[in-house]
Amino acid sequence: MWDYILLGFLQGIFEWIPISSEGVVAIFSSYLVKDYNSVDLALFLHLGTVLAAIVYFWKDWINLAQFKDKEFLRFFIIVTFISGTLGFFVYKMARDVSMGAGLLALTGLGLLLTSWFQKTNIKLKINKDVSSIIVGLLQAISAIPGVSRSGSTVFGLSLTESDPTEILKRSYMISVPVVIGSSLYLYIKDPVIASSSWIAVIFSFIFGIISLKLLLDFSKKVNFSKFTLIFGLLCLFGALFQFLA
């Protein structure tokens, strides 16, 4: 039970940080839990943090359901379609690959580029639909262990968005349908995964709520270019550590 609690804690903490929570949880679960594929378990634990995103942004979900933000609704639908379809094939190909330092370094470089875009206030003149396709593709490849979903989508969103709170909120909200779909698929494939890991899902929800609030509060207090710079450097240091280990 304590092993699953630890995995839930790690998922809750690392999901919102631009460092691959899937990669971190998969690494730990490969040592702690031998009954399941480590990538499958890491993906299933996202169910806890996605519930946290639903609860935390409940007002935004109501606005979305009532068609009050039609621009974001269109963006949301396109991103979900692309990442949901392509992401499934990426998952099937990548579920047994090892986590590479190069993927983490690539995420770090993307965040450093995001930091530069924010600092210089550069915004690419990209059509909204094209922007949603780019973000959908970036979210799809995050099915590869070691690629940060939040880091990739924050980079994609920052190409056309400038408000840090809006970037983070959209990044977290677009993960919901894809995670629910992948969790349902994993449950159908092996229903025992839910009965074994329910305690981890609960703890990922609890710590997901706490860490989400702390991170959003932190992002409001610091310059967003510095925010992404910090996590970009953390990704690069993590990749270097993994390469040398």
Protein backbone atom coordinates (compact mmCIF):
# COMPACT_ATOMS: atom_id res chain seq x y z
CA MET A 1 0.00 0.00 0.00
CA TRP A 2 2.82 2.41 0.85
CA ASP A 3 4.37 1.83 -2.56
CA TYR A 4 1.13 2.92 -4.24
CA ILE A 5 0.80 5.91 -1.90
CA LEU A 6 4.31 7.01 -2.92
CA LEU A 7 3.44 6.65 -6.61
CA GLY A 8 0.24 8.68 -6.08
CA PHE A 9 2.23 11.38 -4.30
CA LEU A 10 4.77 11.56 -7.16
CA GLN A 11 2.03 11.77 -9.78
CA GLY A 12 0.24 14.52 -7.86
CA ILE A 13 3.41 16.58 -7.49
CA PHE A 14 4.98 16.13 -10.93
CA GLU A 15 1.89 16.26 -13.17
CA TRP A 16 1.74 20.06 -13.36
CA ILE A 17 5.48 20.65 -13.39
CA PRO A 18 7.03 20.69 -16.90
CA ILE A 19 8.92 17.48 -16.11
CA SER A 20 7.42 14.21 -17.33
CA SER A 21 5.31 12.80 -14.48
CA GLU A 22 4.76 9.72 -16.61
CA GLY A 23 8.51 9.19 -16.85
CA VAL A 24 9.10 9.77 -13.11
CA VAL A 25 6.24 7.50 -11.99
CA ALA A 26 7.16 4.82 -14.54
CA ILE A 27 10.75 4.73 -13.27
CA PHE A 28 9.66 4.34 -9.64
CA SER A 29 6.88 1.86 -10.43
CA SER A 30 9.31 -0.36 -12.35
CA TYR A 31 11.10 -0.92 -9.02
CA LEU A 32 8.10 -0.90 -6.67
CA VAL A 33 5.31 -2.68 -8.59
CA LYS A 34 6.01 -5.77 -10.67
CA ASP A 35 2.42 -6.72 -11.55
CA TYR A 36 1.87 -4.13 -14.30
CA ASN A 37 3.67 -2.48 -17.16
CA SER A 38 5.23 0.61 -15.56
CA VAL A 39 4.05 2.95 -18.34
CA ASP A 40 0.48 1.61 -18.10
CA LEU A 41 0.41 2.20 -14.35
CA ALA A 42 1.89 5.69 -14.71
CA LEU A 43 -0.76 6.58 -17.30
CA PHE A 44 -3.60 5.21 -15.17
CA LEU A 45 -2.54 7.32 -12.17
CA HIS A 46 -3.16 10.42 -14.29
CA LEU A 47 -6.83 9.75 -13.52
CA GLY A 48 -6.31 11.24 -10.03
CA THR A 49 -4.72 14.45 -11.28
CA VAL A 50 -7.27 14.86 -14.06
CA LEU A 51 -10.02 14.73 -11.42
CA ALA A 52 -8.08 17.45 -9.61
CA ALA A 53 -8.12 19.58 -12.78
CA ILE A 54 -11.87 19.03 -13.15
CA VAL A 55 -12.54 20.11 -9.56
CA TYR A 56 -10.11 23.04 -9.56
CA PHE A 57 -11.35 24.54 -12.84
CA TRP A 58 -15.03 23.70 -12.31
CA LYS A 59 -16.20 27.19 -13.27
CA ASP A 60 -14.28 27.04 -16.55
CA TRP A 61 -15.80 23.63 -17.34
CA ILE A 62 -19.29 25.06 -16.82
CA ASN A 63 -18.49 27.98 -19.14
CA LEU A 64 -17.18 25.52 -21.73
CA ALA A 65 -20.31 23.34 -21.47
CA GLN A 66 -22.53 26.43 -21.87
CA PHE A 67 -20.63 27.55 -25.03
CA LYS A 68 -19.57 30.82 -23.37
CA ASP A 69 -16.04 30.57 -24.78
CA LYS A 70 -16.55 29.33 -28.34
CA GLU A 71 -12.96 30.06 -29.37
CA PHE A 72 -11.52 27.85 -26.62
CA LEU A 73 -14.21 25.21 -27.26
CA ARG A 74 -13.11 24.92 -30.91
CA PHE A 75 -9.47 24.81 -29.81
CA PHE A 76 -10.34 22.17 -27.19
CA ILE A 77 -12.16 19.92 -29.69
CA ILE A 78 -9.38 20.04 -32.31
CA VAL A 79 -6.63 19.37 -29.74
CA THR A 80 -8.62 16.49 -28.23
CA PHE A 81 -9.27 14.86 -31.62
CA ILE A 82 -5.63 15.04 -32.73
CA SER A 83 -4.01 14.07 -29.46
CA GLY A 84 -6.61 11.37 -28.75
CA THR A 85 -6.19 9.58 -32.09
CA LEU A 86 -2.48 10.05 -32.71
CA GLY A 87 -1.60 9.67 -29.03
CA PHE A 88 -3.07 6.14 -28.96
CA PHE A 89 -0.70 4.99 -31.72
CA VAL A 90 2.23 6.73 -30.03
CA TYR A 91 1.38 4.92 -26.79
CA LYS A 92 1.20 1.53 -28.54
CA MET A 93 4.65 2.07 -30.04
CA ALA A 94 6.31 3.65 -27.00
CA ARG A 95 4.90 1.78 -23.96
CA ASP A 96 7.93 -0.55 -23.83
CA VAL A 97 10.67 1.92 -24.67
CA SER A 98 13.16 3.10 -22.09
CA MET A 99 13.06 6.68 -20.84
CA GLY A 100 15.81 8.58 -22.61
CA ALA A 101 17.73 11.58 -21.34
CA GLY A 102 17.46 13.08 -24.83
CA LEU A 103 13.68 13.41 -24.57
CA LEU A 104 13.95 15.23 -21.26
CA ALA A 105 16.64 17.50 -22.70
CA LEU A 106 14.38 18.25 -25.68
CA THR A 107 11.61 19.33 -23.30
CA GLY A 108 14.10 21.54 -21.47
CA LEU A 109 15.18 23.23 -24.69
CA GLY A 110 11.54 23.82 -25.59
CA LEU A 111 10.95 25.52 -22.24
CA LEU A 112 14.07 27.68 -22.68
CA LEU A 113 12.70 28.72 -26.07
CA THR A 114 9.36 29.48 -24.38
CA SER A 115 11.21 31.61 -21.83
CA TRP A 116 12.89 33.56 -24.63
CA PHE A 117 9.56 34.04 -26.45
CA GLN A 118 7.98 35.37 -23.26
CA LYS A 119 10.88 37.66 -22.40
CA THR A 120 11.07 39.21 -25.86
CA ASN A 121 7.26 39.17 -26.22
CA ILE A 122 7.51 37.34 -29.53
CA LYS A 123 4.20 35.96 -30.80
CA LEU A 124 4.01 34.04 -34.05
CA LYS A 125 1.22 35.00 -36.43
CA ILE A 126 -0.38 31.57 -36.51
CA ASN A 127 -3.98 30.81 -37.34
CA LYS A 128 -5.90 29.59 -34.26
CA ASP A 129 -6.72 26.28 -35.95
CA VAL A 130 -3.07 25.77 -36.88
CA SER A 131 -2.11 26.56 -33.28
CA SER A 132 -4.56 23.94 -32.01
CA ILE A 133 -3.10 21.35 -34.42
CA ILE A 134 0.42 22.09 -33.16
CA VAL A 135 -0.66 21.76 -29.52
CA GLY A 136 -2.58 18.56 -30.33
CA LEU A 137 0.51 17.02 -31.93
CA LEU A 138 2.69 18.05 -28.99
CA GLN A 139 0.23 16.52 -26.53
CA ALA A 140 0.10 13.32 -28.59
CA ILE A 141 3.87 12.75 -28.47
CA SER A 142 3.82 13.18 -24.68
CA ALA A 143 2.63 9.54 -24.58
CA ILE A 144 6.34 8.76 -24.96
CA PRO A 145 7.82 8.26 -21.45
CA GLY A 146 10.21 11.11 -20.75
CA VAL A 147 8.34 13.74 -22.77
CA SER A 148 6.58 16.22 -20.49
CA ARG A 149 2.95 16.77 -21.51
CA SER A 150 2.67 20.06 -19.63
CA GLY A 151 6.09 21.22 -20.85
CA SER A 152 5.24 20.42 -24.48
CA THR A 153 1.80 22.04 -24.43
CA VAL A 154 3.02 25.12 -22.52
CA PHE A 155 5.58 25.59 -25.30
CA GLY A 156 2.90 25.19 -27.99
CA LEU A 157 0.45 27.52 -26.28
CA SER A 158 3.10 30.18 -25.70
CA LEU A 159 3.57 30.55 -29.46
CA THR A 160 0.30 32.49 -29.63
CA GLU A 161 -0.69 33.18 -26.00
CA SER A 162 0.93 35.62 -23.57
CA ASP A 163 -1.12 35.35 -20.35
CA PRO A 164 0.73 32.86 -18.06
CA THR A 165 -2.41 31.88 -16.13
CA GLU A 166 -4.32 31.24 -19.34
CA ILE A 167 -1.45 29.20 -20.80
CA LEU A 168 -1.23 26.95 -17.75
CA LYS A 169 -5.01 26.63 -17.38
CA ARG A 170 -5.47 25.62 -21.01
CA SER A 171 -2.54 23.22 -20.80
CA TYR A 172 -4.09 21.43 -17.84
CA MET A 173 -7.67 21.44 -19.15
CA ILE A 174 -6.88 19.94 -22.56
CA SER A 175 -5.39 16.90 -20.82
CA VAL A 176 -8.74 15.85 -19.32
CA PRO A 177 -10.49 14.01 -22.21
CA VAL A 178 -7.31 12.26 -23.35
CA VAL A 179 -6.50 11.03 -19.83
CA ILE A 180 -10.06 9.84 -19.23
CA GLY A 181 -9.97 7.98 -22.55
CA SER A 182 -6.60 6.35 -21.85
CA SER A 183 -7.67 5.37 -18.31
CA LEU A 184 -10.85 3.79 -19.66
CA TYR A 185 -8.83 1.87 -22.25
CA LEU A 186 -6.40 0.59 -19.60
CA TYR A 187 -9.29 -0.40 -17.34
CA ILE A 188 -11.03 -2.35 -20.13
CA LYS A 189 -7.73 -4.03 -20.99
CA ASP A 190 -7.07 -5.00 -17.36
CA PRO A 191 -9.80 -4.15 -14.79
CA VAL A 192 -7.55 -5.33 -11.94
CA ILE A 193 -5.38 -2.23 -12.39
CA ALA A 194 -8.15 -0.10 -10.83
CA SER A 195 -8.71 -2.35 -7.80
CA SER A 196 -4.96 -2.52 -7.14
CA SER A 197 -4.07 1.14 -7.60
CA TRP A 198 -7.14 2.95 -6.25
CA ILE A 199 -5.19 4.24 -3.22
CA ALA A 200 -2.58 5.75 -5.57
CA VAL A 201 -5.32 7.46 -7.61
CA ILE A 202 -6.77 8.99 -4.42
CA PHE A 203 -3.40 10.34 -3.30
CA SER A 204 -2.61 11.67 -6.79
CA PHE A 205 -5.92 13.56 -6.61
CA ILE A 206 -5.18 15.00 -3.13
CA PHE A 207 -1.64 16.10 -3.89
CA GLY A 208 -2.68 17.13 -7.41
CA ILE A 209 -5.11 19.70 -5.99
CA ILE A 210 -2.51 21.01 -3.53
CA SER A 211 0.35 21.24 -6.03
CA LEU A 212 -1.89 22.74 -8.73
CA LYS A 213 -2.88 25.64 -6.47
CA LEU A 214 0.71 26.18 -5.31
CA LEU A 215 2.08 26.18 -8.86
CA LEU A 216 -0.56 28.56 -10.22
CA ASP A 217 -0.01 30.92 -7.28
CA PHE A 218 3.75 30.74 -7.90
CA SER A 219 3.32 31.48 -11.62
CA LYS A 220 1.41 34.68 -10.74
CA LYS A 221 4.19 35.94 -8.47
CA VAL A 222 7.11 35.49 -10.85
CA ASN A 223 7.75 36.58 -14.41
CA PHE A 224 6.58 33.74 -16.70
CA SER A 225 9.82 33.86 -18.67
CA LYS A 226 11.69 33.15 -15.41
CA PHE A 227 9.13 30.48 -14.52
CA THR A 228 9.75 28.55 -17.75
CA LEU A 229 13.50 29.24 -17.54
CA ILE A 230 13.66 27.59 -14.10
CA PHE A 231 11.87 24.44 -15.25
CA GLY A 232 13.76 24.35 -18.53
CA LEU A 233 17.05 24.29 -16.63
CA LEU A 234 15.67 21.62 -14.27
CA CYS A 235 14.85 19.44 -17.27
CA LEU A 236 18.35 19.89 -18.68
CA PHE A 237 19.99 19.11 -15.31
CA GLY A 238 17.74 16.06 -14.96
CA ALA A 239 18.70 14.88 -18.45
CA LEU A 240 22.41 15.39 -17.66
CA PHE A 241 22.04 13.46 -14.38
CA GLN A 242 20.25 10.61 -16.17
CA PHE A 243 22.92 10.54 -18.88
CA LEU A 244 25.77 10.38 -16.36
CA ALA A 245 24.06 7.87 -14.03
